[in-house]
Amino acid sequence: MSSATQLPSNAIGMSFPRHFYVDYDTEVVSTIFEITVKEDKILVDNVQKGINSSVYTPGLVVASEPFVAEFDRWYLHHLPGENIER
């Protein structure tokens, strides 16, 4: 990889640290991005169908889903101005 790409100074550090901004093959990245977006759309659409289902019942995360619960705790901890414990 080559040196960091020049970006507006206000872009650096907003989402990713400076070392994330390196030169990549844009064709490869674009292809991966398009595939990922298509996969994500299918996933999100299916989740929404499940939530809209008449048999869906909201509830707690079950013990068989430890990674979901861990992500939930991590996300809540990193909300701006929040340190919510569950």
N, C-alpha and C. Protein backbone atom coordinates (compact mmCIF):
# COMPACT_ATOMS: atom_id res chain seq x y z
N MET A 1 0.83 -1.18 0.00
CA MET A 1 0.00 0.00 0.00
C MET A 1 0.88 1.24 0.00
N SER A 2 0.38 2.27 -0.60
CA SER A 2 1.15 3.50 -0.68
C SER A 2 0.77 4.44 0.45
N SER A 3 1.29 5.64 0.38
CA SER A 3 1.05 6.62 1.44
C SER A 3 -0.41 7.04 1.49
N ALA A 4 -0.77 7.74 2.56
CA ALA A 4 -2.14 8.16 2.79
C ALA A 4 -2.64 9.06 1.67
N THR A 5 -3.90 8.88 1.28
CA THR A 5 -4.55 9.70 0.28
C THR A 5 -4.88 11.06 0.88
N GLN A 6 -4.77 12.11 0.08
CA GLN A 6 -5.12 13.45 0.55
C GLN A 6 -6.63 13.59 0.65
N LEU A 7 -7.12 13.89 1.83
CA LEU A 7 -8.53 14.12 2.07
C LEU A 7 -8.69 15.45 2.78
N PRO A 8 -9.89 16.02 2.74
CA PRO A 8 -10.11 17.26 3.49
C PRO A 8 -9.74 17.06 4.95
N SER A 9 -9.13 18.05 5.56
CA SER A 9 -8.66 17.90 6.94
C SER A 9 -9.78 17.56 7.90
N ASN A 10 -11.01 18.02 7.60
CA ASN A 10 -12.11 17.73 8.50
C ASN A 10 -12.61 16.29 8.36
N ALA A 11 -12.15 15.55 7.33
CA ALA A 11 -12.57 14.16 7.15
C ALA A 11 -11.73 13.21 7.98
N ILE A 12 -10.49 13.59 8.26
CA ILE A 12 -9.59 12.70 8.98
C ILE A 12 -10.04 12.58 10.43
N GLY A 13 -10.21 11.35 10.88
CA GLY A 13 -10.56 11.10 12.27
C GLY A 13 -12.05 11.14 12.55
N MET A 14 -12.86 11.51 11.57
CA MET A 14 -14.30 11.55 11.82
C MET A 14 -14.87 10.14 11.95
N SER A 15 -14.49 9.26 11.04
CA SER A 15 -14.98 7.89 11.08
C SER A 15 -13.86 6.89 11.33
N PHE A 16 -12.71 7.16 10.76
CA PHE A 16 -11.58 6.25 10.85
C PHE A 16 -10.31 7.04 11.13
N PRO A 17 -9.36 6.44 11.80
CA PRO A 17 -8.08 7.11 12.00
C PRO A 17 -7.35 7.31 10.68
N ARG A 18 -6.40 8.21 10.66
CA ARG A 18 -5.67 8.57 9.45
C ARG A 18 -5.09 7.35 8.73
N HIS A 19 -4.58 6.35 9.46
CA HIS A 19 -3.94 5.22 8.80
C HIS A 19 -4.90 4.36 7.99
N PHE A 20 -6.21 4.56 8.13
CA PHE A 20 -7.17 3.83 7.30
C PHE A 20 -7.22 4.40 5.88
N TYR A 21 -6.80 5.64 5.69
CA TYR A 21 -6.90 6.29 4.40
C TYR A 21 -5.64 6.04 3.58
N VAL A 22 -5.66 4.94 2.86
CA VAL A 22 -4.54 4.58 2.00
C VAL A 22 -5.08 4.33 0.60
N ASP A 23 -4.18 4.30 -0.36
CA ASP A 23 -4.59 4.05 -1.75
C ASP A 23 -4.96 2.59 -1.94
N TYR A 24 -6.15 2.34 -2.47
CA TYR A 24 -6.61 1.00 -2.79
C TYR A 24 -7.01 0.98 -4.26
N ASP A 25 -7.12 -0.20 -4.81
CA ASP A 25 -7.62 -0.36 -6.17
C ASP A 25 -9.12 -0.09 -6.12
N THR A 26 -9.54 1.05 -6.65
CA THR A 26 -10.94 1.46 -6.53
C THR A 26 -11.90 0.50 -7.23
N GLU A 27 -11.44 -0.15 -8.27
CA GLU A 27 -12.31 -1.12 -8.96
C GLU A 27 -12.62 -2.31 -8.05
N VAL A 28 -11.60 -2.80 -7.37
CA VAL A 28 -11.79 -3.93 -6.46
C VAL A 28 -12.67 -3.51 -5.29
N VAL A 29 -12.39 -2.36 -4.70
CA VAL A 29 -13.18 -1.88 -3.57
C VAL A 29 -14.62 -1.65 -3.98
N SER A 30 -14.84 -1.07 -5.16
CA SER A 30 -16.21 -0.83 -5.64
C SER A 30 -16.96 -2.13 -5.84
N THR A 31 -16.30 -3.13 -6.39
CA THR A 31 -16.94 -4.43 -6.60
C THR A 31 -17.33 -5.06 -5.27
N ILE A 32 -16.42 -5.05 -4.31
CA ILE A 32 -16.71 -5.61 -2.99
C ILE A 32 -17.85 -4.84 -2.33
N PHE A 33 -17.83 -3.52 -2.46
CA PHE A 33 -18.88 -2.68 -1.88
C PHE A 33 -20.23 -3.03 -2.48
N GLU A 34 -20.30 -3.17 -3.80
CA GLU A 34 -21.58 -3.49 -4.46
C GLU A 34 -22.10 -4.85 -4.00
N ILE A 35 -21.24 -5.83 -3.89
CA ILE A 35 -21.65 -7.16 -3.42
C ILE A 35 -22.15 -7.08 -1.99
N THR A 36 -21.42 -6.35 -1.14
CA THR A 36 -21.79 -6.23 0.27
C THR A 36 -23.14 -5.53 0.42
N VAL A 37 -23.37 -4.47 -0.35
CA VAL A 37 -24.63 -3.74 -0.27
C VAL A 37 -25.79 -4.64 -0.69
N LYS A 38 -25.61 -5.43 -1.74
CA LYS A 38 -26.67 -6.35 -2.18
C LYS A 38 -26.97 -7.38 -1.10
N GLU A 39 -25.91 -7.95 -0.51
CA GLU A 39 -26.11 -8.93 0.57
C GLU A 39 -26.79 -8.29 1.77
N ASP A 40 -26.37 -7.09 2.14
CA ASP A 40 -26.96 -6.39 3.28
C ASP A 40 -28.43 -6.09 3.04
N LYS A 41 -28.77 -5.69 1.81
CA LYS A 41 -30.16 -5.37 1.50
C LYS A 41 -31.04 -6.61 1.66
N ILE A 42 -30.57 -7.76 1.19
CA ILE A 42 -31.33 -9.00 1.34
C ILE A 42 -31.53 -9.29 2.83
N LEU A 43 -30.46 -9.18 3.60
CA LEU A 43 -30.54 -9.44 5.04
C LEU A 43 -31.52 -8.49 5.73
N VAL A 44 -31.39 -7.20 5.47
CA VAL A 44 -32.25 -6.20 6.12
C VAL A 44 -33.70 -6.40 5.70
N ASP A 45 -33.93 -6.67 4.42
CA ASP A 45 -35.30 -6.91 3.96
C ASP A 45 -35.92 -8.12 4.66
N ASN A 46 -35.15 -9.19 4.82
CA ASN A 46 -35.66 -10.38 5.48
C ASN A 46 -35.92 -10.15 6.97
N VAL A 47 -35.04 -9.40 7.62
CA VAL A 47 -35.26 -9.07 9.03
C VAL A 47 -36.53 -8.23 9.16
N GLN A 48 -36.72 -7.27 8.28
CA GLN A 48 -37.92 -6.43 8.34
C GLN A 48 -39.18 -7.26 8.12
N LYS A 49 -39.13 -8.21 7.19
CA LYS A 49 -40.28 -9.11 6.98
C LYS A 49 -40.61 -9.87 8.27
N GLY A 50 -39.56 -10.32 8.95
CA GLY A 50 -39.78 -11.04 10.20
C GLY A 50 -40.40 -10.16 11.26
N ILE A 51 -39.91 -8.95 11.37
CA ILE A 51 -40.45 -8.01 12.37
C ILE A 51 -41.89 -7.65 12.04
N ASN A 52 -42.21 -7.54 10.77
CA ASN A 52 -43.57 -7.20 10.35
C ASN A 52 -44.53 -8.39 10.45
N SER A 53 -44.01 -9.58 10.66
CA SER A 53 -44.82 -10.79 10.74
C SER A 53 -45.76 -10.74 11.94
N SER A 54 -46.92 -11.34 11.77
CA SER A 54 -47.90 -11.37 12.87
C SER A 54 -47.44 -12.30 14.00
N VAL A 55 -46.47 -13.17 13.74
CA VAL A 55 -46.00 -14.08 14.78
C VAL A 55 -44.76 -13.56 15.52
N TYR A 56 -44.24 -12.40 15.10
CA TYR A 56 -43.06 -11.82 15.77
C TYR A 56 -43.46 -11.29 17.14
N THR A 57 -42.66 -11.63 18.14
CA THR A 57 -42.85 -11.10 19.48
C THR A 57 -41.51 -10.54 19.96
N PRO A 58 -41.44 -9.23 20.24
CA PRO A 58 -40.18 -8.68 20.73
C PRO A 58 -39.83 -9.29 22.08
N GLY A 59 -38.54 -9.42 22.32
CA GLY A 59 -38.13 -9.98 23.60
C GLY A 59 -36.64 -9.82 23.81
N LEU A 60 -36.16 -10.39 24.87
CA LEU A 60 -34.75 -10.32 25.21
C LEU A 60 -33.93 -11.22 24.30
N VAL A 61 -32.65 -10.91 24.19
CA VAL A 61 -31.73 -11.76 23.45
C VAL A 61 -31.52 -13.03 24.27
N VAL A 62 -31.59 -14.16 23.60
CA VAL A 62 -31.46 -15.43 24.31
C VAL A 62 -30.00 -15.80 24.52
N ALA A 63 -29.75 -16.69 25.45
CA ALA A 63 -28.38 -17.09 25.80
C ALA A 63 -27.63 -17.70 24.62
N SER A 64 -28.36 -18.25 23.64
CA SER A 64 -27.69 -18.84 22.48
C SER A 64 -27.17 -17.78 21.50
N GLU A 65 -27.39 -16.52 21.81
CA GLU A 65 -26.93 -15.42 20.96
C GLU A 65 -25.96 -14.51 21.71
N PRO A 66 -24.84 -15.03 22.23
CA PRO A 66 -23.95 -14.21 23.05
C PRO A 66 -23.30 -13.07 22.29
N PHE A 67 -23.04 -13.26 21.00
CA PHE A 67 -22.38 -12.19 20.24
C PHE A 67 -23.32 -11.02 20.00
N VAL A 68 -24.61 -11.30 19.85
CA VAL A 68 -25.60 -10.23 19.70
C VAL A 68 -25.67 -9.42 20.99
N ALA A 69 -25.72 -10.10 22.11
CA ALA A 69 -25.77 -9.42 23.40
C ALA A 69 -24.51 -8.60 23.65
N GLU A 70 -23.35 -9.17 23.30
CA GLU A 70 -22.09 -8.45 23.48
C GLU A 70 -22.04 -7.20 22.60
N PHE A 71 -22.49 -7.31 21.34
CA PHE A 71 -22.53 -6.14 20.47
C PHE A 71 -23.47 -5.09 21.04
N ASP A 72 -24.61 -5.51 21.56
CA ASP A 72 -25.57 -4.59 22.15
C ASP A 72 -24.93 -3.81 23.29
N ARG A 73 -24.22 -4.51 24.18
CA ARG A 73 -23.54 -3.83 25.30
C ARG A 73 -22.46 -2.86 24.79
N TRP A 74 -21.68 -3.32 23.80
CA TRP A 74 -20.63 -2.47 23.24
C TRP A 74 -21.23 -1.22 22.62
N TYR A 75 -22.29 -1.38 21.83
CA TYR A 75 -22.93 -0.25 21.14
C TYR A 75 -23.47 0.76 22.15
N LEU A 76 -24.18 0.27 23.14
CA LEU A 76 -24.73 1.17 24.15
C LEU A 76 -23.63 1.92 24.90
N HIS A 77 -22.53 1.24 25.17
CA HIS A 77 -21.41 1.86 25.86
C HIS A 77 -20.78 2.99 25.03
N HIS A 78 -20.79 2.86 23.72
CA HIS A 78 -20.13 3.83 22.85
C HIS A 78 -21.05 4.92 22.29
N LEU A 79 -22.30 4.95 22.72
CA LEU A 79 -23.17 6.04 22.29
C LEU A 79 -22.65 7.35 22.88
N PRO A 80 -22.66 8.42 22.10
CA PRO A 80 -22.17 9.70 22.63
C PRO A 80 -22.97 10.12 23.86
N GLY A 81 -22.25 10.45 24.92
CA GLY A 81 -22.87 10.93 26.13
C GLY A 81 -23.60 9.86 26.94
N GLU A 82 -23.43 8.61 26.55
CA GLU A 82 -24.13 7.52 27.22
C GLU A 82 -23.14 6.49 27.72
N ASN A 83 -23.43 5.94 28.83
CA ASN A 83 -22.74 4.74 29.33
C ASN A 83 -23.80 3.89 29.99
N ILE A 84 -24.62 3.26 29.17
CA ILE A 84 -25.74 2.50 29.63
C ILE A 84 -25.30 1.07 29.91
N GLU A 85 -25.55 0.58 31.08
CA GLU A 85 -25.24 -0.81 31.42
C GLU A 85 -26.52 -1.61 31.32
N ARG A 86 -26.40 -2.82 30.79
CA ARG A 86 -27.55 -3.74 30.72
C ARG A 86 -27.19 -5.01 31.41
